[in-house]
PDB file of N, CA and C in Angstrom:
ATOM      1  N   MET A   1    -330.852  29.412 -69.000  1.00  0.00           N
ATOM      2  CA  MET A   1    -329.835  28.875 -68.079  1.00  0.00           C
ATOM      3  C   MET A   1    -328.520  29.597 -68.268  1.00  0.00           C
ATOM      4  N   ALA A   2    -328.216  29.894 -69.447  1.00  0.00           N
ATOM      5  CA  ALA A   2    -326.948  30.636 -69.748  1.00  0.00           C
ATOM      6  C   ALA A   2    -326.916  31.969 -69.104  1.00  0.00           C
ATOM      7  N   GLU A   3    -328.112  32.599 -69.083  1.00  0.00           N
ATOM      8  CA  GLU A   3    -328.241  33.984 -68.487  1.00  0.00           C
ATOM      9  C   GLU A   3    -327.936  33.892 -66.953  1.00  0.00           C
ATOM     10  N   LEU A   4    -328.470  32.819 -66.337  1.00  0.00           N
ATOM     11  CA  LEU A   4    -328.279  32.628 -64.866  1.00  0.00           C
ATOM     12  C   LEU A   4    -326.794  32.506 -64.493  1.00  0.00           C
ATOM     13  N   LYS A   5    -326.094  31.784 -65.351  1.00  0.00           N
ATOM     14  CA  LYS A   5    -324.705  31.569 -65.121  1.00  0.00           C
ATOM     15  C   LYS A   5    -323.900  32.883 -65.283  1.00  0.00           C
ATOM     16  N   GLU A   6    -324.302  33.739 -66.269  1.00  0.00           N
ATOM     17  CA  GLU A   6    -323.666  34.997 -66.451  1.00  0.00           C
ATOM     18  C   GLU A   6    -323.930  35.917 -65.294  1.00  0.00           C
ATOM     19  N   LYS A   7    -325.154  35.919 -64.772  1.00  0.00           N
ATOM     20  CA  LYS A   7    -325.513  36.818 -63.603  1.00  0.00           C
ATOM     21  C   LYS A   7    -324.668  36.407 -62.414  1.00  0.00           C
ATOM     22  N   THR A   8    -324.476  35.108 -62.147  1.00  0.00           N
ATOM     23  CA  THR A   8    -323.678  34.721 -60.966  1.00  0.00           C
ATOM     24  C   THR A   8    -322.227  35.035 -61.105  1.00  0.00           C
ATOM     25  N   LYS A   9    -321.810  35.024 -62.384  1.00  0.00           N
ATOM     26  CA  LYS A   9    -320.397  35.367 -62.625  1.00  0.00           C
ATOM     27  C   LYS A   9    -320.148  36.854 -62.416  1.00  0.00           C
ATOM     28  N   ARG A  10    -321.163  37.643 -62.797  1.00  0.00           N
ATOM     29  CA  ARG A  10    -321.026  39.149 -62.627  1.00  0.00           C
ATOM     30  C   ARG A  10    -321.090  39.504 -61.175  1.00  0.00           C
ATOM     31  N   ARG A  11    -321.898  38.800 -60.359  1.00  0.00           N
ATOM     32  CA  ARG A  11    -322.131  39.150 -58.957  1.00  0.00           C
ATOM     33  C   ARG A  11    -320.829  38.856 -58.108  1.00  0.00           C
ATOM     34  N   LEU A  12    -320.231  37.728 -58.324  1.00  0.00           N
ATOM     35  CA  LEU A  12    -319.140  37.291 -57.513  1.00  0.00           C
ATOM     36  C   LEU A  12    -317.812  37.730 -58.082  1.00  0.00           C
ATOM     37  N   PRO A  13    -317.261  38.794 -57.612  1.00  0.00           N
ATOM     38  CA  PRO A  13    -315.924  39.100 -58.098  1.00  0.00           C
ATOM     39  C   PRO A  13    -314.892  38.151 -57.422  1.00  0.00           C
ATOM     40  N   LYS A  14    -313.861  37.949 -58.132  1.00  0.00           N
ATOM     41  CA  LYS A  14    -312.849  36.965 -57.612  1.00  0.00           C
ATOM     42  C   LYS A  14    -312.082  37.655 -56.413  1.00  0.00           C
ATOM     43  N   LEU A  15    -311.984  36.946 -55.371  1.00  0.00           N
ATOM     44  CA  LEU A  15    -311.246  37.435 -54.224  1.00  0.00           C
ATOM     45  C   LEU A  15    -309.873  36.779 -54.290  1.00  0.00           C
ATOM     46  N   GLY A  16    -308.896  37.625 -54.558  1.00  0.00           N
ATOM     47  CA  GLY A  16    -307.524  37.148 -54.530  1.00  0.00           C
ATOM     48  C   GLY A  16    -306.906  37.272 -53.215  1.00  0.00           C
ATOM     49  N   VAL A  17    -305.773  36.619 -53.001  1.00  0.00           N
ATOM     50  CA  VAL A  17    -305.083  36.664 -51.798  1.00  0.00           C
ATOM     51  C   VAL A  17    -304.632  38.114 -51.492  1.00  0.00           C
ATOM     52  N   LYS A  18    -304.258  38.798 -52.546  1.00  0.00           N
ATOM     53  CA  LYS A  18    -303.801  40.196 -52.426  1.00  0.00           C
ATOM     54  C   LYS A  18    -304.896  41.097 -51.838  1.00  0.00           C
ATOM     55  N   LYS A  19    -306.143  40.871 -52.358  1.00  0.00           N
ATOM     56  CA  LYS A  19    -307.215  41.687 -51.902  1.00  0.00           C
ATOM     57  C   LYS A  19    -307.593  41.430 -50.416  1.00  0.00           C
ATOM     58  N   VAL A  20    -307.519  40.157 -50.049  1.00  0.00           N
ATOM     59  CA  VAL A  20    -307.849  39.836 -48.684  1.00  0.00           C
ATOM     60  C   VAL A  20    -306.785  40.309 -47.714  1.00  0.00           C
ATOM     61  N   LEU A  21    -305.521  40.069 -48.027  1.00  0.00           N
ATOM     62  CA  LEU A  21    -304.449  40.505 -47.163  1.00  0.00           C
ATOM     63  C   LEU A  21    -304.220  42.009 -47.220  1.00  0.00           C
ATOM     64  N   GLY A  22    -304.479  42.608 -48.279  1.00  0.00           N
ATOM     65  CA  GLY A  22    -304.292  44.029 -48.442  1.00  0.00           C
ATOM     66  C   GLY A  22    -305.396  44.855 -47.730  1.00  0.00           C
ATOM     67  N   GLY A  23    -306.558  44.258 -47.564  1.00  0.00           N
ATOM     68  CA  GLY A  23    -307.645  44.926 -46.888  1.00  0.00           C
ATOM     69  C   GLY A  23    -308.629  45.603 -47.798  1.00  0.00           C
ATOM     70  N   SER A  24    -308.466  45.497 -49.069  1.00  0.00           N
ATOM     71  CA  SER A  24    -309.289  46.106 -50.086  1.00  0.00           C
ATOM     72  C   SER A  24    -310.695  45.437 -50.126  1.00  0.00           C
ATOM     73  N   VAL A  25    -310.755  44.195 -49.566  1.00  0.00           N
ATOM     74  CA  VAL A  25    -312.023  43.542 -49.472  1.00  0.00           C
ATOM     75  C   VAL A  25    -312.950  44.286 -48.556  1.00  0.00           C
ATOM     76  N   LEU A  26    -312.421  44.923 -47.475  1.00  0.00           N
ATOM     77  CA  LEU A  26    -313.242  45.562 -46.477  1.00  0.00           C
ATOM     78  C   LEU A  26    -313.845  46.933 -47.081  1.00  0.00           C
ATOM     79  N   GLU A  27    -313.323  47.379 -48.177  1.00  0.00           N
ATOM     80  CA  GLU A  27    -313.763  48.604 -48.719  1.00  0.00           C
ATOM     81  C   GLU A  27    -315.103  48.428 -49.581  1.00  0.00           C
ATOM     82  N   SER A  28    -315.419  47.243 -49.932  1.00  0.00           N
ATOM     83  CA  SER A  28    -316.582  47.050 -50.775  1.00  0.00           C
ATOM     84  C   SER A  28    -317.812  47.372 -49.961  1.00  0.00           C
ATOM     85  N   GLU A  29    -318.878  47.713 -50.722  1.00  0.00           N
ATOM     86  CA  GLU A  29    -320.151  48.109 -50.034  1.00  0.00           C
ATOM     87  C   GLU A  29    -320.858  46.937 -49.418  1.00  0.00           C
ATOM     88  N   LYS A  30    -320.682  45.797 -50.028  1.00  0.00           N
ATOM     89  CA  LYS A  30    -321.384  44.550 -49.435  1.00  0.00           C
ATOM     90  C   LYS A  30    -320.824  44.246 -48.062  1.00  0.00           C
ATOM     91  N   VAL A  31    -319.570  44.413 -47.952  1.00  0.00           N
ATOM     92  CA  VAL A  31    -318.953  44.158 -46.600  1.00  0.00           C
ATOM     93  C   VAL A  31    -319.315  45.192 -45.650  1.00  0.00           C
ATOM     94  N   LEU A  32    -319.329  46.441 -46.049  1.00  0.00           N
ATOM     95  CA  LEU A  32    -319.766  47.568 -45.187  1.00  0.00           C
ATOM     96  C   LEU A  32    -321.186  47.462 -44.692  1.00  0.00           C
ATOM     97  N   LYS A  33    -322.065  46.898 -45.544  1.00  0.00           N
ATOM     98  CA  LYS A  33    -323.458  46.741 -45.174  1.00  0.00           C
ATOM     99  C   LYS A  33    -323.546  45.636 -44.043  1.00  0.00           C
ATOM    100  N   GLN A  34    -322.675  44.679 -44.076  1.00  0.00           N
ATOM    101  CA  GLN A  34    -322.752  43.580 -43.135  1.00  0.00           C
ATOM    102  C   GLN A  34    -321.962  43.854 -41.791  1.00  0.00           C
ATOM    103  N   LEU A  35    -321.323  45.025 -41.693  1.00  0.00           N
ATOM    104  CA  LEU A  35    -320.537  45.264 -40.447  1.00  0.00           C
ATOM    105  C   LEU A  35    -321.450  45.284 -39.233  1.00  0.00           C
ATOM    106  N   PRO A  36    -322.636  45.926 -39.154  1.00  0.00           N
ATOM    107  CA  PRO A  36    -323.440  45.813 -37.979  1.00  0.00           C
ATOM    108  C   PRO A  36    -323.742  44.388 -37.581  1.00  0.00           C
ATOM    109  N   PHE A  37    -323.972  43.548 -38.502  1.00  0.00           N
ATOM    110  CA  PHE A  37    -324.296  42.178 -38.164  1.00  0.00           C
ATOM    111  C   PHE A  37    -323.012  41.497 -37.585  1.00  0.00           C
ATOM    112  N   VAL A  38    -321.880  41.757 -38.173  1.00  0.00           N
ATOM    113  CA  VAL A  38    -320.618  41.231 -37.708  1.00  0.00           C
ATOM    114  C   VAL A  38    -320.334  41.724 -36.287  1.00  0.00           C
ATOM    115  N   PHE A  39    -320.568  42.961 -36.043  1.00  0.00           N
ATOM    116  CA  PHE A  39    -320.396  43.542 -34.719  1.00  0.00           C
ATOM    117  C   PHE A  39    -321.322  42.864 -33.687  1.00  0.00           C
ATOM    118  N   LEU A  40    -322.574  42.620 -34.095  1.00  0.00           N
ATOM    119  CA  LEU A  40    -323.521  41.918 -33.313  1.00  0.00           C
ATOM    120  C   LEU A  40    -323.028  40.464 -32.941  1.00  0.00           C
ATOM    121  N   LEU A  41    -322.522  39.824 -33.903  1.00  0.00           N
ATOM    122  CA  LEU A  41    -321.966  38.455 -33.747  1.00  0.00           C
ATOM    123  C   LEU A  41    -320.776  38.529 -32.754  1.00  0.00           C
ATOM    124  N   VAL A  42    -319.951  39.472 -32.912  1.00  0.00           N
ATOM    125  CA  VAL A  42    -318.764  39.592 -32.009  1.00  0.00           C
ATOM    126  C   VAL A  42    -319.276  39.871 -30.606  1.00  0.00           C
ATOM    127  N   LEU A  43    -320.244  40.807 -30.482  1.00  0.00           N
ATOM    128  CA  LEU A  43    -320.803  41.123 -29.133  1.00  0.00           C
ATOM    129  C   LEU A  43    -321.389  39.857 -28.487  1.00  0.00           C
ATOM    130  N   LEU A  44    -322.150  39.147 -29.216  1.00  0.00           N
ATOM    131  CA  LEU A  44    -322.814  37.891 -28.686  1.00  0.00           C
ATOM    132  C   LEU A  44    -321.704  36.885 -28.315  1.00  0.00           C
ATOM    133  N   GLY A  45    -320.655  36.784 -29.128  1.00  0.00           N
ATOM    134  CA  GLY A  45    -319.542  35.859 -28.730  1.00  0.00           C
ATOM    135  C   GLY A  45    -318.896  36.322 -27.447  1.00  0.00           C
ATOM    136  N   LEU A  46    -318.634  37.619 -27.208  1.00  0.00           N
ATOM    137  CA  LEU A  46    -318.033  38.122 -26.075  1.00  0.00           C
ATOM    138  C   LEU A  46    -318.986  37.810 -24.862  1.00  0.00           C
ATOM    139  N   GLY A  47    -320.287  37.951 -25.107  1.00  0.00           N
ATOM    140  CA  GLY A  47    -321.223  37.651 -24.050  1.00  0.00           C
ATOM    141  C   GLY A  47    -321.259  36.197 -23.636  1.00  0.00           C
ATOM    142  N   LEU A  48    -321.141  35.340 -24.652  1.00  0.00           N
ATOM    143  CA  LEU A  48    -321.026  33.900 -24.329  1.00  0.00           C
ATOM    144  C   LEU A  48    -319.707  33.567 -23.525  1.00  0.00           C
ATOM    145  N   ILE A  49    -318.679  34.149 -23.964  1.00  0.00           N
ATOM    146  CA  ILE A  49    -317.376  33.898 -23.254  1.00  0.00           C
ATOM    147  C   ILE A  49    -317.439  34.410 -21.809  1.00  0.00           C
ATOM    148  N   THR A  50    -318.004  35.572 -21.592  1.00  0.00           N
ATOM    149  CA  THR A  50    -318.158  36.169 -20.272  1.00  0.00           C
ATOM    150  C   THR A  50    -319.054  35.301 -19.400  1.00  0.00           C
ATOM    151  N   ASN A  51    -320.150  34.858 -19.961  1.00  0.00           N
ATOM    152  CA  ASN A  51    -321.118  34.012 -19.282  1.00  0.00           C
ATOM    153  C   ASN A  51    -320.447  32.686 -18.870  1.00  0.00           C
ATOM    154  N   ARG A  52    -319.666  32.116 -19.688  1.00  0.00           N
ATOM    155  CA  ARG A  52    -318.981  30.831 -19.422  1.00  0.00           C
ATOM    156  C   ARG A  52    -317.956  31.109 -18.303  1.00  0.00           C
ATOM    157  N   TYR A  53    -317.227  32.161 -18.358  1.00  0.00           N
ATOM    158  CA  TYR A  53    -316.223  32.463 -17.320  1.00  0.00           C
ATOM    159  C   TYR A  53    -316.858  32.671 -15.922  1.00  0.00           C
ATOM    160  N   LEU A  54    -317.946  33.402 -15.940  1.00  0.00           N
ATOM    161  CA  LEU A  54    -318.725  33.688 -14.639  1.00  0.00           C
ATOM    162  C   LEU A  54    -319.277  32.393 -14.113  1.00  0.00           C
ATOM    163  N   THR A  55    -319.784  31.515 -15.006  1.00  0.00           N
ATOM    164  CA  THR A  55    -320.378  30.271 -14.570  1.00  0.00           C
ATOM    165  C   THR A  55    -319.295  29.336 -13.932  1.00  0.00           C
ATOM    166  N   GLU A  56    -318.158  29.244 -14.582  1.00  0.00           N
ATOM    167  CA  GLU A  56    -317.073  28.475 -14.022  1.00  0.00           C
ATOM    168  C   GLU A  56    -316.543  29.012 -12.725  1.00  0.00           C
ATOM    169  N   LYS A  57    -316.541  30.346 -12.597  1.00  0.00           N
ATOM    170  CA  LYS A  57    -316.165  30.953 -11.299  1.00  0.00           C
ATOM    171  C   LYS A  57    -317.136  30.626 -10.215  1.00  0.00           C
ATOM    172  N   THR A  58    -318.438  30.678 -10.530  1.00  0.00           N
ATOM    173  CA  THR A  58    -319.459  30.361  -9.612  1.00  0.00           C
ATOM    174  C   THR A  58    -319.370  28.850  -9.170  1.00  0.00           C
ATOM    175  N   MET A  59    -319.134  27.976 -10.152  1.00  0.00           N
ATOM    176  CA  MET A  59    -318.978  26.567  -9.909  1.00  0.00           C
ATOM    177  C   MET A  59    -317.866  26.335  -8.936  1.00  0.00           C
ATOM    178  N   ARG A  60    -316.734  27.044  -9.151  1.00  0.00           N
ATOM    179  CA  ARG A  60    -315.557  26.846  -8.239  1.00  0.00           C
ATOM    180  C   ARG A  60    -315.920  27.298  -6.797  1.00  0.00           C
ATOM    181  N   LYS A  61    -316.566  28.389  -6.706  1.00  0.00           N
ATOM    182  CA  LYS A  61    -317.036  28.847  -5.388  1.00  0.00           C
ATOM    183  C   LYS A  61    -317.932  27.867  -4.693  1.00  0.00           C
ATOM    184  N   MET A  62    -318.860  27.347  -5.547  1.00  0.00           N
ATOM    185  CA  MET A  62    -319.837  26.334  -4.942  1.00  0.00           C
ATOM    186  C   MET A  62    -319.073  25.114  -4.461  1.00  0.00           C
ATOM    187  N   GLU A  63    -318.024  24.710  -5.198  1.00  0.00           N
ATOM    188  CA  GLU A  63    -317.230  23.564  -4.769  1.00  0.00           C
ATOM    189  C   GLU A  63    -316.503  23.792  -3.490  1.00  0.00           C
ATOM    190  N   THR A  64    -315.942  25.004  -3.366  1.00  0.00           N
ATOM    191  CA  THR A  64    -315.195  25.304  -2.148  1.00  0.00           C
ATOM    192  C   THR A  64    -316.204  25.376  -0.923  1.00  0.00           C
ATOM    193  N   VAL A  65    -317.382  25.911  -1.139  1.00  0.00           N
ATOM    194  CA  VAL A  65    -318.366  25.959  -0.061  1.00  0.00           C
ATOM    195  C   VAL A  65    -318.782  24.548   0.310  1.00  0.00           C
ATOM    196  N   ARG A  66    -318.977  23.667  -0.732  1.00  0.00           N
ATOM    197  CA  ARG A  66    -319.361  22.272  -0.440  1.00  0.00           C
ATOM    198  C   ARG A  66    -318.297  21.603   0.361  1.00  0.00           C
ATOM    199  N   ASP A  67    -317.032  21.798   0.033  1.00  0.00           N
ATOM    200  CA  ASP A  67    -315.904  21.163   0.762  1.00  0.00           C
ATOM    201  C   ASP A  67    -315.856  21.678   2.209  1.00  0.00           C
ATOM    202  N   SER A  68    -316.037  23.034   2.391  1.00  0.00           N
ATOM    203  CA  SER A  68    -316.012  23.540   3.756  1.00  0.00           C
ATOM    204  C   SER A  68    -317.192  23.077   4.581  1.00  0.00           C
ATOM    205  N   LEU A  69    -318.373  22.878   3.903  1.00  0.00           N
ATOM    206  CA  LEU A  69    -319.561  22.387   4.597  1.00  0.00           C
ATOM    207  C   LEU A  69    -319.360  20.961   5.097  1.00  0.00           C
ATOM    208  N   LYS A  70    -318.634  20.182   4.299  1.00  0.00           N
ATOM    209  CA  LYS A  70    -318.282  18.823   4.738  1.00  0.00           C
ATOM    210  C   LYS A  70    -317.384  18.817   5.933  1.00  0.00           C
ATOM    211  N   GLU A  71    -316.431  19.708   5.914  1.00  0.00           N
ATOM    212  CA  GLU A  71    -315.532  19.879   7.072  1.00  0.00           C
ATOM    213  C   GLU A  71    -316.304  20.269   8.304  1.00  0.00           C
ATOM    214  N   TYR A  72    -317.192  21.276   8.184  1.00  0.00           N
ATOM    215  CA  TYR A  72    -317.962  21.686   9.319  1.00  0.00           C
ATOM    216  C   TYR A  72    -318.875  20.652   9.844  1.00  0.00           C
ATOM    217  N   LYS A  73    -319.450  19.848   9.000  1.00  0.00           N
ATOM    218  CA  LYS A  73    -320.308  18.717   9.398  1.00  0.00           C
ATOM    219  C   LYS A  73    -319.493  17.735  10.250  1.00  0.00           C
ATOM    220  N   ALA A  74    -318.336  17.370   9.704  1.00  0.00           N
ATOM    221  CA  ALA A  74    -317.497  16.434  10.442  1.00  0.00           C
ATOM    222  C   ALA A  74    -317.061  17.019  11.800  1.00  0.00           C
ATOM    223  N   GLU A  75    -316.799  18.236  11.860  1.00  0.00           N
ATOM    224  CA  GLU A  75    -316.404  18.965  13.098  1.00  0.00           C
ATOM    225  C   GLU A  75    -317.553  18.892  14.024  1.00  0.00           C
ATOM    226  N   SER A  76    -318.784  19.177  13.583  1.00  0.00           N
ATOM    227  CA  SER A  76    -319.924  19.190  14.477  1.00  0.00           C
ATOM    228  C   SER A  76    -320.243  17.790  15.061  1.00  0.00           C
ATOM    229  N   VAL A  77    -320.003  16.824  14.246  1.00  0.00           N
ATOM    230  CA  VAL A  77    -320.207  15.406  14.744  1.00  0.00           C
ATOM    231  C   VAL A  77    -319.182  15.072  15.857  1.00  0.00           C
ATOM    232  N   ILE A  78    -317.990  15.580  15.726  1.00  0.00           N
ATOM    233  CA  ILE A  78    -316.932  15.392  16.755  1.00  0.00           C
ATOM    234  C   ILE A  78    -317.361  16.139  18.023  1.00  0.00           C
ATOM    235  N   HIS A  79    -317.788  17.308  17.883  1.00  0.00           N
ATOM    236  CA  HIS A  79    -318.250  18.057  19.076  1.00  0.00           C
ATOM    237  C   HIS A  79    -319.423  17.442  19.731  1.00  0.00           C
ATOM    238  N   GLU A  80    -320.358  16.953  18.933  1.00  0.00           N
ATOM    239  CA  GLU A  80    -321.569  16.331  19.448  1.00  0.00           C
ATOM    240  C   GLU A  80    -321.232  15.048  20.263  1.00  0.00           C
ATOM    241  N   THR A  81    -320.246  14.318  19.760  1.00  0.00           N
ATOM    242  CA  THR A  81    -319.804  13.057  20.408  1.00  0.00           C
ATOM    243  C   THR A  81    -319.129  13.395  21.752  1.00  0.00           C
ATOM    244  N   GLU A  82    -318.309  14.472  21.715  1.00  0.00           N
ATOM    245  CA  GLU A  82    -317.665  14.812  22.985  1.00  0.00           C
ATOM    246  C   GLU A  82    -318.649  15.312  24.000  1.00  0.00           C
ATOM    247  N   LEU A  83    -319.701  16.086  23.577  1.00  0.00           N
ATOM    248  CA  LEU A  83    -320.687  16.561  24.460  1.00  0.00           C
ATOM    249  C   LEU A  83    -321.516  15.422  25.048  1.00  0.00           C
ATOM    250  N   MET A  84    -321.830  14.406  24.231  1.00  0.00           N
ATOM    251  CA  MET A  84    -322.590  13.304  24.732  1.00  0.00           C
ATOM    252  C   MET A  84    -321.786  12.542  25.750  1.00  0.00           C
ATOM    253  N   TYR A  85    -320.413  12.442  25.532  1.00  0.00           N
ATOM    254  CA  TYR A  85    -319.564  11.738  26.510  1.00  0.00           C
ATOM    255  C   TYR A  85    -319.487  12.498  27.827  1.00  0.00           C
ATOM    256  N   ILE A  86    -319.422  13.849  27.760  1.00  0.00           N
ATOM    257  CA  ILE A  86    -319.352  14.671  28.957  1.00  0.00           C
ATOM    258  C   ILE A  86    -320.613  14.597  29.788  1.00  0.00           C
ATOM    259  N   ASN A  87    -321.734  14.540  29.065  1.00  0.00           N
ATOM    260  CA  ASN A  87    -323.073  14.571  29.755  1.00  0.00           C
ATOM    261  C   ASN A  87    -323.513  13.212  30.308  1.00  0.00           C
ATOM    262  N   ARG A  88    -322.725  12.154  30.273  1.00  0.00           N
ATOM    263  CA  ARG A  88    -323.055  10.915  30.950  1.00  0.00           C
ATOM    264  C   ARG A  88    -323.117  11.135  32.401  1.00  0.00           C
ATOM    265  N   PRO A  89    -324.030  10.408  33.035  1.00  0.00           N
ATOM    266  CA  PRO A  89    -324.083  10.563  34.535  1.00  0.00           C
ATOM    267  C   PRO A  89    -322.787  10.184  35.257  1.00  0.00           C
ATOM    268  N   SER A  90    -322.042   9.146  34.771  1.00  0.00           N
ATOM    269  CA  SER A  90    -320.841   8.728  35.409  1.00  0.00           C
ATOM    270  C   SER A  90    -319.756   9.811  35.239  1.00  0.00           C
ATOM    271  N   GLU A  91    -319.727  10.473  34.080  1.00  0.00           N
ATOM    272  CA  GLU A  91    -318.703  11.545  33.903  1.00  0.00           C
ATOM    273  C   GLU A  91    -319.098  12.762  34.744  1.00  0.00           C
ATOM    274  N   ILE A  92    -320.322  13.067  34.883  1.00  0.00           N
ATOM    275  CA  ILE A  92    -320.745  14.193  35.735  1.00  0.00           C
ATOM    276  C   ILE A  92    -320.369  13.872  37.144  1.00  0.00           C
ATOM    277  N   ALA A  93    -320.552  12.632  37.624  1.00  0.00           N
ATOM    278  CA  ALA A  93    -320.205  12.294  39.007  1.00  0.00           C
ATOM    279  C   ALA A  93    -318.638  12.401  39.185  1.00  0.00           C
ATOM    280  N   LYS A  94    -317.870  12.010  38.226  1.00  0.00           N
ATOM    281  CA  LYS A  94    -316.419  12.107  38.283  1.00  0.00           C
ATOM    282  C   LYS A  94    -316.028  13.611  38.366  1.00  0.00           C
ATOM    283  N   ARG A  95    -316.622  14.472  37.597  1.00  0.00           N
ATOM    284  CA  ARG A  95    -316.281  15.920  37.673  1.00  0.00           C
ATOM    285  C   ARG A  95    -316.659  16.555  38.953  1.00  0.00           C
ATOM    286  N   VAL A  96    -317.844  16.120  39.489  1.00  0.00           N
ATOM    287  CA  VAL A  96    -318.209  16.644  40.814  1.00  0.00           C
ATOM    288  C   VAL A  96    -317.204  16.249  41.864  1.00  0.00           C
ATOM    289  N   VAL A  97    -316.714  15.047  41.852  1.00  0.00           N
ATOM    290  CA  VAL A  97    -315.706  14.579  42.872  1.00  0.00           C
ATOM    291  C   VAL A  97    -314.384  15.322  42.598  1.00  0.00           C
ATOM    292  N   GLU A  98    -313.983  15.488  41.323  1.00  0.00           N
ATOM    293  CA  GLU A  98    -312.707  16.150  41.059  1.00  0.00           C
ATOM    294  C   GLU A  98    -312.685  17.627  41.545  1.00  0.00           C
ATOM    295  N   ARG A  99    -313.809  18.289  41.366  1.00  0.00           N
ATOM    296  CA  ARG A  99    -313.904  19.681  41.705  1.00  0.00           C
ATOM    297  C   ARG A  99    -314.325  19.949  43.217  1.00  0.00           C
ATOM    298  N   LYS A 100    -314.519  18.837  43.859  1.00  0.00           N
ATOM    299  CA  LYS A 100    -314.921  18.841  45.291  1.00  0.00           C
ATOM    300  C   LYS A 100    -316.118  19.757  45.561  1.00  0.00           C
ATOM    301  N   ILE A 101    -317.133  19.453  44.793  1.00  0.00           N
ATOM    302  CA  ILE A 101    -318.452  20.106  44.920  1.00  0.00           C
ATOM    303  C   ILE A 101    -319.290  19.214  45.834  1.00  0.00           C
ATOM    304  N   ASP A 102    -319.951  19.790  46.809  1.00  0.00           N
ATOM    305  CA  ASP A 102    -320.719  19.018  47.763  1.00  0.00           C
ATOM    306  C   ASP A 102    -322.141  18.717  47.179  1.00  0.00           C
ATOM    307  N   LEU A 103    -322.182  17.809  46.212  1.00  0.00           N
ATOM    308  CA  LEU A 103    -323.419  17.325  45.686  1.00  0.00           C
ATOM    309  C   LEU A 103    -323.516  15.856  45.898  1.00  0.00           C
ATOM    310  N   ILE A 104    -324.722  15.419  46.190  1.00  0.00           N
ATOM    311  CA  ILE A 104    -324.899  13.955  46.376  1.00  0.00           C
ATOM    312  C   ILE A 104    -325.786  13.452  45.320  1.00  0.00           C
ATOM    313  N   GLU A 105    -325.477  12.321  44.786  1.00  0.00           N
ATOM    314  CA  GLU A 105    -326.270  11.724  43.758  1.00  0.00           C
ATOM    315  C   GLU A 105    -327.578  11.132  44.415  1.00  0.00           C
ATOM    316  N   PRO A 106    -328.753  11.448  43.915  1.00  0.00           N
ATOM    317  CA  PRO A 106    -329.955  10.985  44.568  1.00  0.00           C
ATOM    318  C   PRO A 106    -330.094   9.413  44.373  1.00  0.00           C
ATOM    319  N   VAL A 107    -330.604   8.788  45.430  1.00  0.00           N
ATOM    320  CA  VAL A 107    -330.793   7.359  45.425  1.00  0.00           C
ATOM    321  C   VAL A 107    -332.194   7.013  44.919  1.00  0.00           C
ATOM    322  N   GLU A 108    -333.171   7.797  45.321  1.00  0.00           N
ATOM    323  CA  GLU A 108    -334.551   7.625  44.961  1.00  0.00           C
ATOM    324  C   GLU A 108    -334.852   8.260  43.606  1.00  0.00           C
ATOM    325  N   PRO A 109    -335.710   7.668  42.813  1.00  0.00           N
ATOM    326  CA  PRO A 109    -336.090   8.282  41.565  1.00  0.00           C
ATOM    327  C   PRO A 109    -336.902   9.588  41.836  1.00  0.00           C
ATOM    328  N   PRO A 110    -336.893  10.486  40.911  1.00  0.00           N
ATOM    329  CA  PRO A 110    -337.672  11.721  41.097  1.00  0.00           C
ATOM    330  C   PRO A 110    -339.165  11.436  41.156  1.00  0.00           C
ATOM    331  N   LYS A 111    -339.855  12.265  41.916  1.00  0.00           N
ATOM    332  CA  LYS A 111    -341.308  12.140  42.091  1.00  0.00           C
ATOM    333  C   LYS A 111    -342.017  13.389  41.428  1.00  0.00           C
ATOM    334  N   ARG A 112    -343.166  13.125  40.856  1.00  0.00           N
ATOM    335  CA  ARG A 112    -343.867  14.234  40.271  1.00  0.00           C
ATOM    336  C   ARG A 112    -344.659  14.946  41.360  1.00  0.00           C
ATOM    337  N   ILE A 113    -344.630  16.250  41.359  1.00  0.00           N
ATOM    338  CA  ILE A 113    -345.284  17.044  42.359  1.00  0.00           C
ATOM    339  C   ILE A 113    -346.631  17.492  41.732  1.00  0.00           C
ATOM    340  N   GLN A 114    -347.720  17.236  42.454  1.00  0.00           N
ATOM    341  CA  GLN A 114    -348.990  17.620  41.971  1.00  0.00           C
ATOM    342  C   GLN A 114    -349.531  18.790  42.783  1.00  0.00           C
ATOM    343  N   VAL A 115    -349.916  19.853  42.134  1.00  0.00           N
ATOM    344  CA  VAL A 115    -350.500  21.010  42.828  1.00  0.00           C
ATOM    345  C   VAL A 115    -351.983  21.106  42.425  1.00  0.00           C
ATOM    346  N   LYS A 116    -352.801  21.231  43.440  1.00  0.00           N
ATOM    347  CA  LYS A 116    -354.238  21.348  43.187  1.00  0.00           C
ATOM    348  C   LYS A 116    -354.488  22.868  42.903  1.00  0.00           C
ATOM    349  N   LYS A 117    -355.407  23.090  41.971  1.00  0.00           N
ATOM    350  CA  LYS A 117    -355.764  24.442  41.625  1.00  0.00           C
ATOM    351  C   LYS A 117    -356.750  24.960  42.570  1.00  0.00           C
ATOM    352  N   LEU A 118    -356.609  26.189  42.957  1.00  0.00           N
ATOM    353  CA  LEU A 118    -357.643  26.852  43.863  1.00  0.00           C
ATOM    354  C   LEU A 118    -358.882  27.221  43.063  1.00  0.00           C
ATOM    355  N   GLU A 119    -359.977  26.984  43.611  1.00  0.00           N
ATOM    356  CA  GLU A 119    -361.165  27.418  42.931  1.00  0.00           C
ATOM    357  C   GLU A 119    -361.468  28.873  43.238  1.00  0.00           C
ATOM    358  N   THR A 120    -361.560  29.747  42.281  1.00  0.00           N
ATOM    359  CA  THR A 120    -361.876  31.094  42.498  1.00  0.00           C
ATOM    360  C   THR A 120    -363.302  31.397  41.959  1.00  0.00           C
ATOM    361  N   LYS A 121    -364.084  32.134  42.746  1.00  0.00           N
ATOM    362  CA  LYS A 121    -365.375  32.522  42.286  1.00  0.00           C
ATOM    363  C   LYS A 121    -365.589  33.962  42.183  1.00  0.00           C
TER     364      LYS A 121
END
C-alpha cells in the first residue's frame, strides 16, 4: 500500500498557480497528447451552439409564418362572407336594377329538359 501511494505522488506533479498562468502546463507531454481530444470537444461544442442557433432561427420563422397564416385565414373568411352576401338573389336583383340591365326574374321554377337519344344501327 505504501508503494501505491508513492506511485501516485510521483505521477501527479503539483500544479501551481504560476505554472497554470504562465502556460508551462501546456508544454507537458500529457497535455499535448490530449490536444486532439480537446479540439474534438471544442468542435462538438461549436456544432451544438450552431445547431441551437439555427433551430431558434427556424422556430422564429415558423412562428411568423403561423401568424401570417392566421391573418390570411381571417381575411379569407371576410372575403367569403362578402361574396356570400353579394350572391344572394335579392342583392343580385338590386344590382340588376341599379345598372339598368334588362333582365327579368323568372316567376316559374326551372324545368328539366329531357332529350331522347337517337337509336343508331
